[in-house]
Amino acid sequence: MGVDVYSAHPIKRNMGDKTRILDHVQVEQKINRIAYELFETNYTEPVLYLVGITGQGLTLSNRLGEILQKISGKKIENFEISLNKDNPLDAEIKLSADLSYFNNKPVILVDDVLNSGRTLIYSAHYLLQAPLKKMQTVCLVDRWHRRFPIRADFVGLTLSTTLQEHIEVVFENNNNNNVYLY
């Protein structure tokens, strides 16, 4: 069993058919670090526009927004983008704001896990229909199984897994967040 250099906690704890990769403390450390990196990279921007992908990506986006607001005092606006994650072309992609609202604005696209890259690239493609000032991507866990040419600019944990394994991010509440490997 290895040790996470950021927190000195064991990396894996066997939980039956699933293995906890990150416990609550580690998840919070990773989210806080990402928030500080986002602030450092975007310190000249008066407003940050976070777009969370429906599900845990949106939860992560909202959490990052809360932390960014506290550490920077900047105005943070959160939005949701939803799509069919298995077949993005089968259903309409929906955004909780009019796409033109993002014209010439810095957008931060957020998802919980970067696996094949399909969800992230289709979401980014949709957002790029507006003339954005810039776009950055955030994922809590990057699995390195990309089939699409996209990457996360800000990552909490990069993890090499097999294609048969599954990563699940669980945000139960503000004091019981975990990342599991199945």
N, C-alpha and C. Protein backbone atom coordinates (compact mmCIF):
# COMPACT_ATOMS: atom_id res chain seq x y z
N MET A 1 0.84 -1.17 0.00
CA MET A 1 0.00 0.00 0.00
C MET A 1 0.89 1.24 0.00
N GLY A 2 0.65 2.17 -0.93
CA GLY A 2 1.43 3.40 -1.02
C GLY A 2 0.88 4.48 -0.12
N VAL A 3 1.55 5.60 -0.10
CA VAL A 3 1.12 6.72 0.70
C VAL A 3 1.00 7.94 -0.20
N ASP A 4 -0.10 8.68 -0.07
CA ASP A 4 -0.30 9.91 -0.83
C ASP A 4 0.64 10.96 -0.25
N VAL A 5 1.52 11.51 -1.07
CA VAL A 5 2.53 12.45 -0.58
C VAL A 5 1.92 13.75 -0.08
N TYR A 6 0.69 14.07 -0.49
CA TYR A 6 0.08 15.33 -0.07
C TYR A 6 -0.55 15.24 1.31
N SER A 7 -0.91 14.02 1.74
CA SER A 7 -1.62 13.95 3.01
C SER A 7 -1.11 12.87 3.96
N ALA A 8 -0.17 12.04 3.51
CA ALA A 8 0.38 10.95 4.31
C ALA A 8 -0.68 9.93 4.70
N HIS A 9 -1.81 9.88 3.96
CA HIS A 9 -2.83 8.87 4.17
C HIS A 9 -2.56 7.71 3.23
N PRO A 10 -2.92 6.49 3.65
CA PRO A 10 -2.79 5.37 2.71
C PRO A 10 -3.64 5.63 1.47
N ILE A 11 -3.12 5.27 0.30
CA ILE A 11 -3.84 5.52 -0.95
C ILE A 11 -5.03 4.59 -1.10
N LYS A 12 -4.88 3.31 -0.79
CA LYS A 12 -5.96 2.36 -1.01
C LYS A 12 -6.39 1.74 0.31
N ARG A 13 -7.70 1.67 0.49
CA ARG A 13 -8.27 0.96 1.63
C ARG A 13 -9.32 0.03 1.05
N ASN A 14 -9.17 -1.27 1.25
CA ASN A 14 -10.10 -2.21 0.66
C ASN A 14 -11.46 -2.10 1.33
N MET A 15 -12.51 -1.97 0.52
CA MET A 15 -13.88 -1.83 1.02
C MET A 15 -14.74 -2.93 0.40
N GLY A 16 -14.27 -4.18 0.37
CA GLY A 16 -15.02 -5.27 -0.25
C GLY A 16 -14.77 -5.28 -1.74
N ASP A 17 -15.84 -5.11 -2.53
CA ASP A 17 -15.70 -5.13 -3.99
C ASP A 17 -15.25 -3.80 -4.54
N LYS A 18 -15.06 -2.83 -3.69
CA LYS A 18 -14.54 -1.54 -4.14
C LYS A 18 -13.39 -1.13 -3.24
N THR A 19 -12.52 -0.31 -3.79
CA THR A 19 -11.36 0.17 -3.06
C THR A 19 -11.43 1.68 -3.00
N ARG A 20 -11.33 2.22 -1.81
CA ARG A 20 -11.32 3.67 -1.66
C ARG A 20 -9.95 4.18 -2.08
N ILE A 21 -9.94 5.06 -3.08
CA ILE A 21 -8.70 5.65 -3.59
C ILE A 21 -8.40 6.95 -2.85
N LEU A 22 -9.43 7.76 -2.61
CA LEU A 22 -9.28 9.01 -1.87
C LEU A 22 -10.36 9.08 -0.80
N ASP A 23 -9.96 9.40 0.42
CA ASP A 23 -10.96 9.60 1.48
C ASP A 23 -11.38 11.06 1.51
N HIS A 24 -12.26 11.40 2.42
CA HIS A 24 -12.81 12.75 2.47
C HIS A 24 -11.73 13.82 2.59
N VAL A 25 -10.77 13.61 3.49
CA VAL A 25 -9.72 14.61 3.70
C VAL A 25 -8.92 14.81 2.41
N GLN A 26 -8.58 13.71 1.75
CA GLN A 26 -7.81 13.78 0.51
C GLN A 26 -8.60 14.46 -0.60
N VAL A 27 -9.90 14.14 -0.71
CA VAL A 27 -10.75 14.79 -1.72
C VAL A 27 -10.77 16.29 -1.49
N GLU A 28 -10.95 16.70 -0.26
CA GLU A 28 -10.99 18.13 0.06
C GLU A 28 -9.65 18.81 -0.25
N GLN A 29 -8.55 18.13 0.06
CA GLN A 29 -7.24 18.69 -0.26
C GLN A 29 -7.08 18.89 -1.76
N LYS A 30 -7.50 17.92 -2.53
CA LYS A 30 -7.38 18.01 -3.99
C LYS A 30 -8.26 19.14 -4.53
N ILE A 31 -9.48 19.25 -4.05
CA ILE A 31 -10.39 20.30 -4.52
C ILE A 31 -9.85 21.68 -4.14
N ASN A 32 -9.34 21.81 -2.94
CA ASN A 32 -8.76 23.10 -2.51
C ASN A 32 -7.56 23.47 -3.37
N ARG A 33 -6.70 22.48 -3.66
CA ARG A 33 -5.53 22.75 -4.48
C ARG A 33 -5.94 23.20 -5.88
N ILE A 34 -6.93 22.52 -6.45
CA ILE A 34 -7.42 22.90 -7.78
C ILE A 34 -7.97 24.32 -7.74
N ALA A 35 -8.72 24.66 -6.70
CA ALA A 35 -9.30 26.01 -6.59
C ALA A 35 -8.19 27.06 -6.54
N TYR A 36 -7.14 26.81 -5.77
CA TYR A 36 -6.03 27.76 -5.70
C TYR A 36 -5.32 27.88 -7.05
N GLU A 37 -5.15 26.75 -7.74
CA GLU A 37 -4.52 26.79 -9.07
C GLU A 37 -5.39 27.59 -10.05
N LEU A 38 -6.71 27.41 -9.98
CA LEU A 38 -7.61 28.18 -10.85
C LEU A 38 -7.51 29.67 -10.55
N PHE A 39 -7.46 30.00 -9.27
CA PHE A 39 -7.33 31.41 -8.89
C PHE A 39 -6.01 31.99 -9.39
N GLU A 40 -4.92 31.27 -9.19
CA GLU A 40 -3.61 31.75 -9.64
C GLU A 40 -3.56 31.95 -11.15
N THR A 41 -4.21 31.07 -11.88
CA THR A 41 -4.20 31.15 -13.34
C THR A 41 -5.13 32.24 -13.86
N ASN A 42 -6.17 32.57 -13.10
CA ASN A 42 -7.20 33.50 -13.56
C ASN A 42 -7.32 34.74 -12.68
N TYR A 43 -6.24 35.11 -12.00
CA TYR A 43 -6.32 36.21 -11.04
C TYR A 43 -6.69 37.55 -11.67
N THR A 44 -6.47 37.72 -12.97
CA THR A 44 -6.81 39.00 -13.61
C THR A 44 -8.27 39.06 -14.08
N GLU A 45 -8.96 37.94 -14.03
CA GLU A 45 -10.35 37.89 -14.47
C GLU A 45 -11.27 38.41 -13.37
N PRO A 46 -12.16 39.36 -13.68
CA PRO A 46 -13.07 39.87 -12.65
C PRO A 46 -14.16 38.87 -12.27
N VAL A 47 -14.56 38.01 -13.20
CA VAL A 47 -15.60 37.01 -12.96
C VAL A 47 -15.13 35.69 -13.55
N LEU A 48 -15.39 34.59 -12.83
CA LEU A 48 -15.09 33.26 -13.36
C LEU A 48 -16.40 32.53 -13.63
N TYR A 49 -16.46 31.86 -14.77
CA TYR A 49 -17.66 31.16 -15.22
C TYR A 49 -17.37 29.66 -15.22
N LEU A 50 -17.94 28.96 -14.24
CA LEU A 50 -17.75 27.52 -14.14
C LEU A 50 -18.94 26.81 -14.75
N VAL A 51 -18.67 25.81 -15.59
CA VAL A 51 -19.72 25.01 -16.21
C VAL A 51 -19.48 23.57 -15.80
N GLY A 52 -20.38 23.05 -14.95
CA GLY A 52 -20.26 21.68 -14.48
C GLY A 52 -21.09 20.73 -15.31
N ILE A 53 -20.52 19.58 -15.63
CA ILE A 53 -21.24 18.56 -16.37
C ILE A 53 -22.18 17.84 -15.40
N THR A 54 -23.43 17.70 -15.82
CA THR A 54 -24.49 17.12 -14.99
C THR A 54 -23.98 15.93 -14.18
N GLY A 55 -24.40 15.87 -12.94
CA GLY A 55 -24.00 14.80 -12.03
C GLY A 55 -22.90 15.30 -11.12
N GLN A 56 -21.90 14.47 -10.92
CA GLN A 56 -20.82 14.81 -10.00
C GLN A 56 -19.94 15.94 -10.52
N GLY A 57 -19.91 16.14 -11.84
CA GLY A 57 -19.17 17.28 -12.39
C GLY A 57 -19.77 18.60 -11.92
N LEU A 58 -21.10 18.65 -11.89
CA LEU A 58 -21.78 19.85 -11.40
C LEU A 58 -21.54 20.04 -9.90
N THR A 59 -21.58 18.96 -9.16
CA THR A 59 -21.30 19.05 -7.71
C THR A 59 -19.90 19.57 -7.47
N LEU A 60 -18.93 19.04 -8.21
CA LEU A 60 -17.54 19.50 -8.09
C LEU A 60 -17.43 20.97 -8.48
N SER A 61 -18.10 21.35 -9.55
CA SER A 61 -18.08 22.75 -10.01
C SER A 61 -18.61 23.69 -8.94
N ASN A 62 -19.73 23.31 -8.32
CA ASN A 62 -20.31 24.15 -7.25
C ASN A 62 -19.36 24.25 -6.06
N ARG A 63 -18.72 23.15 -5.70
CA ARG A 63 -17.77 23.15 -4.58
C ARG A 63 -16.56 24.04 -4.90
N LEU A 64 -16.05 23.93 -6.12
CA LEU A 64 -14.93 24.79 -6.53
C LEU A 64 -15.36 26.26 -6.49
N GLY A 65 -16.58 26.53 -6.92
CA GLY A 65 -17.09 27.91 -6.89
C GLY A 65 -17.13 28.48 -5.49
N GLU A 66 -17.58 27.68 -4.53
CA GLU A 66 -17.62 28.12 -3.13
C GLU A 66 -16.22 28.47 -2.63
N ILE A 67 -15.27 27.60 -2.91
CA ILE A 67 -13.90 27.82 -2.44
C ILE A 67 -13.28 29.02 -3.15
N LEU A 68 -13.47 29.12 -4.46
CA LEU A 68 -12.93 30.26 -5.21
C LEU A 68 -13.49 31.58 -4.68
N GLN A 69 -14.75 31.59 -4.34
CA GLN A 69 -15.37 32.81 -3.79
C GLN A 69 -14.69 33.21 -2.49
N LYS A 70 -14.44 32.22 -1.63
CA LYS A 70 -13.82 32.49 -0.33
C LYS A 70 -12.38 32.98 -0.47
N ILE A 71 -11.59 32.35 -1.34
CA ILE A 71 -10.17 32.68 -1.41
C ILE A 71 -9.88 33.90 -2.27
N SER A 72 -10.80 34.22 -3.19
CA SER A 72 -10.49 35.29 -4.13
C SER A 72 -11.37 36.52 -3.98
N GLY A 73 -12.57 36.33 -3.45
CA GLY A 73 -13.50 37.45 -3.40
C GLY A 73 -14.10 37.78 -4.76
N LYS A 74 -13.75 37.01 -5.78
CA LYS A 74 -14.26 37.24 -7.13
C LYS A 74 -15.71 36.79 -7.23
N LYS A 75 -16.38 37.33 -8.22
CA LYS A 75 -17.71 36.86 -8.54
C LYS A 75 -17.54 35.54 -9.30
N ILE A 76 -18.26 34.53 -8.86
CA ILE A 76 -18.22 33.21 -9.48
C ILE A 76 -19.63 32.88 -9.96
N GLU A 77 -19.75 32.49 -11.21
CA GLU A 77 -21.04 32.09 -11.74
C GLU A 77 -20.96 30.63 -12.14
N ASN A 78 -21.92 29.83 -11.65
CA ASN A 78 -21.96 28.40 -11.93
C ASN A 78 -23.09 28.08 -12.90
N PHE A 79 -22.81 27.18 -13.84
CA PHE A 79 -23.79 26.76 -14.83
C PHE A 79 -23.71 25.25 -14.97
N GLU A 80 -24.74 24.68 -15.58
CA GLU A 80 -24.80 23.24 -15.79
C GLU A 80 -24.92 22.94 -17.28
N ILE A 81 -24.18 21.94 -17.72
CA ILE A 81 -24.31 21.44 -19.08
C ILE A 81 -24.68 19.95 -18.97
N SER A 82 -25.68 19.53 -19.74
CA SER A 82 -26.11 18.14 -19.67
C SER A 82 -26.14 17.54 -21.07
N LEU A 83 -25.72 16.29 -21.15
CA LEU A 83 -25.70 15.57 -22.41
C LEU A 83 -25.80 14.08 -22.13
N ASN A 84 -26.11 13.31 -23.14
CA ASN A 84 -26.12 11.87 -23.03
C ASN A 84 -24.66 11.42 -23.04
N LYS A 85 -24.16 10.97 -21.91
CA LYS A 85 -22.74 10.66 -21.78
C LYS A 85 -22.32 9.45 -22.61
N ASP A 86 -23.24 8.52 -22.84
CA ASP A 86 -22.90 7.33 -23.63
C ASP A 86 -22.98 7.60 -25.13
N ASN A 87 -23.96 8.40 -25.55
CA ASN A 87 -24.16 8.72 -26.97
C ASN A 87 -24.48 10.21 -27.10
N PRO A 88 -23.48 11.07 -27.05
CA PRO A 88 -23.71 12.52 -27.05
C PRO A 88 -24.49 13.04 -28.25
N LEU A 89 -24.46 12.35 -29.37
CA LEU A 89 -25.16 12.83 -30.56
C LEU A 89 -26.62 12.40 -30.59
N ASP A 90 -27.02 11.52 -29.67
CA ASP A 90 -28.39 11.01 -29.67
C ASP A 90 -29.39 11.96 -29.02
N ALA A 91 -28.93 12.89 -28.24
CA ALA A 91 -29.84 13.82 -27.55
C ALA A 91 -29.22 15.21 -27.57
N GLU A 92 -30.08 16.19 -27.44
CA GLU A 92 -29.64 17.58 -27.45
C GLU A 92 -28.79 17.89 -26.21
N ILE A 93 -27.73 18.63 -26.41
CA ILE A 93 -26.93 19.12 -25.29
C ILE A 93 -27.63 20.36 -24.75
N LYS A 94 -27.79 20.40 -23.44
CA LYS A 94 -28.49 21.52 -22.81
C LYS A 94 -27.56 22.26 -21.87
N LEU A 95 -27.68 23.57 -21.90
CA LEU A 95 -26.88 24.45 -21.05
C LEU A 95 -27.83 25.31 -20.25
N SER A 96 -27.53 25.55 -18.97
CA SER A 96 -28.44 26.29 -18.10
C SER A 96 -28.43 27.80 -18.36
N ALA A 97 -27.76 28.24 -19.39
CA ALA A 97 -27.75 29.64 -19.81
C ALA A 97 -27.74 29.67 -21.32
N ASP A 98 -28.08 30.79 -21.89
CA ASP A 98 -27.97 30.94 -23.34
C ASP A 98 -26.49 30.93 -23.70
N LEU A 99 -26.15 30.20 -24.74
CA LEU A 99 -24.75 30.06 -25.13
C LEU A 99 -24.08 31.41 -25.38
N SER A 100 -24.81 32.37 -25.90
CA SER A 100 -24.23 33.68 -26.20
C SER A 100 -23.81 34.42 -24.93
N TYR A 101 -24.31 34.00 -23.77
CA TYR A 101 -23.92 34.62 -22.51
C TYR A 101 -22.41 34.50 -22.27
N PHE A 102 -21.80 33.47 -22.87
CA PHE A 102 -20.38 33.20 -22.65
C PHE A 102 -19.46 33.89 -23.64
N ASN A 103 -20.01 34.71 -24.51
CA ASN A 103 -19.18 35.43 -25.49
C ASN A 103 -18.09 36.23 -24.79
N ASN A 104 -16.84 35.99 -25.20
CA ASN A 104 -15.66 36.69 -24.69
C ASN A 104 -15.49 36.56 -23.17
N LYS A 105 -15.87 35.40 -22.63
CA LYS A 105 -15.72 35.16 -21.20
C LYS A 105 -14.83 33.94 -20.96
N PRO A 106 -14.12 33.93 -19.83
CA PRO A 106 -13.29 32.76 -19.49
C PRO A 106 -14.15 31.66 -18.89
N VAL A 107 -14.21 30.53 -19.54
CA VAL A 107 -15.06 29.42 -19.10
C VAL A 107 -14.19 28.30 -18.56
N ILE A 108 -14.61 27.74 -17.44
CA ILE A 108 -13.94 26.60 -16.82
C ILE A 108 -14.93 25.44 -16.84
N LEU A 109 -14.62 24.42 -17.64
CA LEU A 109 -15.47 23.24 -17.79
C LEU A 109 -15.03 22.19 -16.78
N VAL A 110 -15.98 21.66 -15.99
CA VAL A 110 -15.65 20.80 -14.86
C VAL A 110 -16.39 19.46 -14.96
N ASP A 111 -15.64 18.36 -14.76
CA ASP A 111 -16.24 17.03 -14.63
C ASP A 111 -15.49 16.28 -13.53
N ASP A 112 -16.10 15.22 -13.03
CA ASP A 112 -15.48 14.49 -11.93
C ASP A 112 -14.37 13.56 -12.39
N VAL A 113 -14.62 12.76 -13.46
CA VAL A 113 -13.64 11.79 -13.92
C VAL A 113 -13.43 11.95 -15.42
N LEU A 114 -12.18 11.99 -15.84
CA LEU A 114 -11.83 11.99 -17.26
C LEU A 114 -11.43 10.57 -17.61
N ASN A 115 -12.28 9.91 -18.37
CA ASN A 115 -12.02 8.53 -18.76
C ASN A 115 -11.64 8.48 -20.23
N SER A 116 -12.59 8.34 -21.13
CA SER A 116 -12.28 8.29 -22.56
C SER A 116 -12.11 9.68 -23.14
N GLY A 117 -12.69 10.69 -22.49
CA GLY A 117 -12.65 12.05 -22.99
C GLY A 117 -13.90 12.43 -23.77
N ARG A 118 -14.79 11.47 -24.03
CA ARG A 118 -15.98 11.73 -24.83
C ARG A 118 -16.87 12.82 -24.22
N THR A 119 -17.21 12.69 -22.96
CA THR A 119 -18.10 13.67 -22.33
C THR A 119 -17.47 15.06 -22.34
N LEU A 120 -16.20 15.13 -21.99
CA LEU A 120 -15.51 16.42 -21.92
C LEU A 120 -15.39 17.06 -23.30
N ILE A 121 -15.05 16.28 -24.32
CA ILE A 121 -14.84 16.87 -25.64
C ILE A 121 -16.16 17.32 -26.27
N TYR A 122 -17.23 16.56 -26.09
CA TYR A 122 -18.52 16.99 -26.64
C TYR A 122 -19.04 18.22 -25.90
N SER A 123 -18.82 18.30 -24.61
CA SER A 123 -19.22 19.49 -23.85
C SER A 123 -18.40 20.70 -24.29
N ALA A 124 -17.09 20.51 -24.45
CA ALA A 124 -16.22 21.60 -24.90
C ALA A 124 -16.61 22.05 -26.31
N HIS A 125 -16.88 21.10 -27.19
CA HIS A 125 -17.28 21.42 -28.56
C HIS A 125 -18.54 22.28 -28.56
N TYR A 126 -19.50 21.92 -27.72
CA TYR A 126 -20.73 22.70 -27.64
C TYR A 126 -20.43 24.13 -27.18
N LEU A 127 -19.64 24.27 -26.13
CA LEU A 127 -19.32 25.60 -25.59
C LEU A 127 -18.52 26.43 -26.58
N LEU A 128 -17.70 25.78 -27.39
CA LEU A 128 -16.87 26.50 -28.35
C LEU A 128 -17.65 27.07 -29.53
N GLN A 129 -18.95 26.83 -29.56
CA GLN A 129 -19.79 27.48 -30.56
C GLN A 129 -19.93 28.97 -30.24
N ALA A 130 -19.62 29.35 -29.02
CA ALA A 130 -19.58 30.77 -28.62
C ALA A 130 -18.13 31.22 -28.72
N PRO A 131 -17.90 32.49 -29.04
CA PRO A 131 -16.52 32.99 -29.10
C PRO A 131 -15.98 33.26 -27.68
N LEU A 132 -15.52 32.20 -27.02
CA LEU A 132 -15.03 32.31 -25.65
C LEU A 132 -13.72 33.08 -25.61
N LYS A 133 -13.46 33.73 -24.48
CA LYS A 133 -12.16 34.37 -24.27
C LYS A 133 -11.10 33.28 -24.11
N LYS A 134 -11.43 32.24 -23.31
CA LYS A 134 -10.57 31.07 -23.13
C LYS A 134 -11.40 30.00 -22.45
N MET A 135 -10.93 28.75 -22.58
CA MET A 135 -11.57 27.64 -21.88
C MET A 135 -10.50 26.82 -21.20
N GLN A 136 -10.80 26.44 -19.96
CA GLN A 136 -9.93 25.55 -19.20
C GLN A 136 -10.78 24.38 -18.74
N THR A 137 -10.14 23.23 -18.52
CA THR A 137 -10.86 22.05 -18.10
C THR A 137 -10.33 21.54 -16.75
N VAL A 138 -11.26 21.02 -15.95
CA VAL A 138 -10.93 20.51 -14.62
C VAL A 138 -11.56 19.13 -14.46
N CYS A 139 -10.79 18.19 -13.92
CA CYS A 139 -11.32 16.87 -13.53
C CYS A 139 -10.67 16.48 -12.21
N LEU A 140 -11.46 15.91 -11.33
CA LEU A 140 -10.90 15.46 -10.05
C LEU A 140 -9.97 14.26 -10.28
N VAL A 141 -10.38 13.32 -11.15
CA VAL A 141 -9.58 12.13 -11.43
C VAL A 141 -9.41 11.98 -12.94
N ASP A 142 -8.18 11.77 -13.37
CA ASP A 142 -7.87 11.51 -14.78
C ASP A 142 -7.38 10.07 -14.87
N ARG A 143 -8.09 9.24 -15.67
CA ARG A 143 -7.78 7.80 -15.75
C ARG A 143 -6.81 7.45 -16.87
N TRP A 144 -6.49 8.33 -17.76
CA TRP A 144 -5.56 8.07 -18.87
C TRP A 144 -6.07 7.03 -19.87
N HIS A 145 -7.38 6.99 -20.12
CA HIS A 145 -7.92 6.08 -21.12
C HIS A 145 -8.52 6.85 -22.29
N ARG A 146 -7.88 7.92 -22.70
CA ARG A 146 -8.47 8.79 -23.71
C ARG A 146 -8.57 8.15 -25.08
N ARG A 147 -9.74 8.34 -25.67
CA ARG A 147 -9.96 7.98 -27.06
C ARG A 147 -10.23 9.24 -27.88
N PHE A 148 -10.25 10.37 -27.22
CA PHE A 148 -10.50 11.66 -27.85
C PHE A 148 -9.38 12.62 -27.46
N PRO A 149 -9.03 13.56 -28.35
CA PRO A 149 -7.89 14.45 -28.09
C PRO A 149 -8.24 15.61 -27.17
N ILE A 150 -8.41 15.30 -25.90
CA ILE A 150 -8.68 16.35 -24.91
C ILE A 150 -7.98 15.96 -23.62
N ARG A 151 -7.64 16.96 -22.84
CA ARG A 151 -7.00 16.71 -21.55
C ARG A 151 -7.58 17.66 -20.52
N ALA A 152 -7.34 17.39 -19.27
CA ALA A 152 -7.75 18.29 -18.21
C ALA A 152 -6.57 19.19 -17.87
N ASP A 153 -6.83 20.49 -17.81
CA ASP A 153 -5.78 21.45 -17.44
C ASP A 153 -5.47 21.37 -15.94
N PHE A 154 -6.48 21.04 -15.15
CA PHE A 154 -6.32 20.96 -13.69
C PHE A 154 -6.88 19.62 -13.24
N VAL A 155 -6.04 18.83 -12.55
CA VAL A 155 -6.41 17.47 -12.15
C VAL A 155 -6.05 17.27 -10.68
N GLY A 156 -6.94 16.61 -9.95
CA GLY A 156 -6.66 16.28 -8.56
C GLY A 156 -5.77 15.06 -8.44
N LEU A 157 -6.08 14.01 -9.22
CA LEU A 157 -5.34 12.75 -9.15
C LEU A 157 -5.31 12.12 -10.53
N THR A 158 -4.12 11.73 -10.98
CA THR A 158 -3.98 10.97 -12.21
C THR A 158 -3.77 9.52 -11.80
N LEU A 159 -4.59 8.64 -12.38
CA LEU A 159 -4.61 7.25 -11.95
C LEU A 159 -4.60 6.34 -13.17
N SER A 160 -3.71 5.39 -13.19
CA SER A 160 -3.66 4.43 -14.27
C SER A 160 -4.49 3.21 -13.86
N THR A 161 -5.53 2.92 -14.63
CA THR A 161 -6.43 1.81 -14.32
C THR A 161 -6.57 0.93 -15.55
N THR A 162 -7.21 -0.22 -15.39
CA THR A 162 -7.54 -1.05 -16.54
C THR A 162 -8.88 -0.59 -17.10
N LEU A 163 -9.18 -0.98 -18.33
CA LEU A 163 -10.45 -0.60 -18.94
C LEU A 163 -11.64 -1.24 -18.23
N GLN A 164 -11.41 -2.37 -17.55
CA GLN A 164 -12.49 -3.05 -16.84
C GLN A 164 -12.82 -2.38 -15.50
N GLU A 165 -11.92 -1.58 -15.00
CA GLU A 165 -12.15 -0.93 -13.71
C GLU A 165 -12.97 0.34 -13.90
N HIS A 166 -13.63 0.74 -12.84
CA HIS A 166 -14.51 1.91 -12.86
C HIS A 166 -14.14 2.81 -11.68
N ILE A 167 -14.13 4.11 -11.93
CA ILE A 167 -13.88 5.09 -10.87
C ILE A 167 -15.20 5.78 -10.55
N GLU A 168 -15.51 5.89 -9.28
CA GLU A 168 -16.73 6.59 -8.86
C GLU A 168 -16.36 7.66 -7.84
N VAL A 169 -16.80 8.88 -8.11
CA VAL A 169 -16.63 9.97 -7.16
C VAL A 169 -17.96 10.12 -6.43
N VAL A 170 -17.90 10.12 -5.10
CA VAL A 170 -19.11 10.22 -4.30
C VAL A 170 -19.04 11.48 -3.45
N PHE A 171 -19.96 12.40 -3.73
CA PHE A 171 -20.10 13.61 -2.91
C PHE A 171 -21.39 13.44 -2.13
N GLU A 172 -21.31 12.85 -0.93
CA GLU A 172 -22.52 12.62 -0.14
C GLU A 172 -22.96 13.90 0.57
N ASN A 173 -22.03 14.60 1.14
CA ASN A 173 -22.28 15.89 1.78
C ASN A 173 -20.91 16.51 2.00
N ASN A 174 -20.86 17.61 2.70
CA ASN A 174 -19.57 18.30 2.84
C ASN A 174 -18.61 17.64 3.82
N ASN A 175 -18.98 16.49 4.38
CA ASN A 175 -18.01 15.82 5.26
C ASN A 175 -17.92 14.32 5.02
N ASN A 176 -18.35 13.86 3.84
CA ASN A 176 -18.19 12.45 3.50
C ASN A 176 -18.06 12.27 2.00
N ASN A 177 -16.96 12.77 1.45
CA ASN A 177 -16.68 12.66 0.03
C ASN A 177 -15.58 11.65 -0.17
N ASN A 178 -15.75 10.76 -1.17
CA ASN A 178 -14.78 9.69 -1.40
C ASN A 178 -14.66 9.42 -2.90
N VAL A 179 -13.54 8.80 -3.27
CA VAL A 179 -13.34 8.31 -4.63
C VAL A 179 -13.05 6.81 -4.52
N TYR A 180 -13.80 6.01 -5.29
CA TYR A 180 -13.67 4.56 -5.23
C TYR A 180 -13.26 3.99 -6.58
N LEU A 181 -12.56 2.86 -6.52
CA LEU A 181 -12.21 2.07 -7.70
C LEU A 181 -12.97 0.76 -7.60
N TYR A 182 -13.70 0.41 -8.65
CA TYR A 182 -14.44 -0.86 -8.71
C TYR A 182 -13.76 -1.79 -9.68
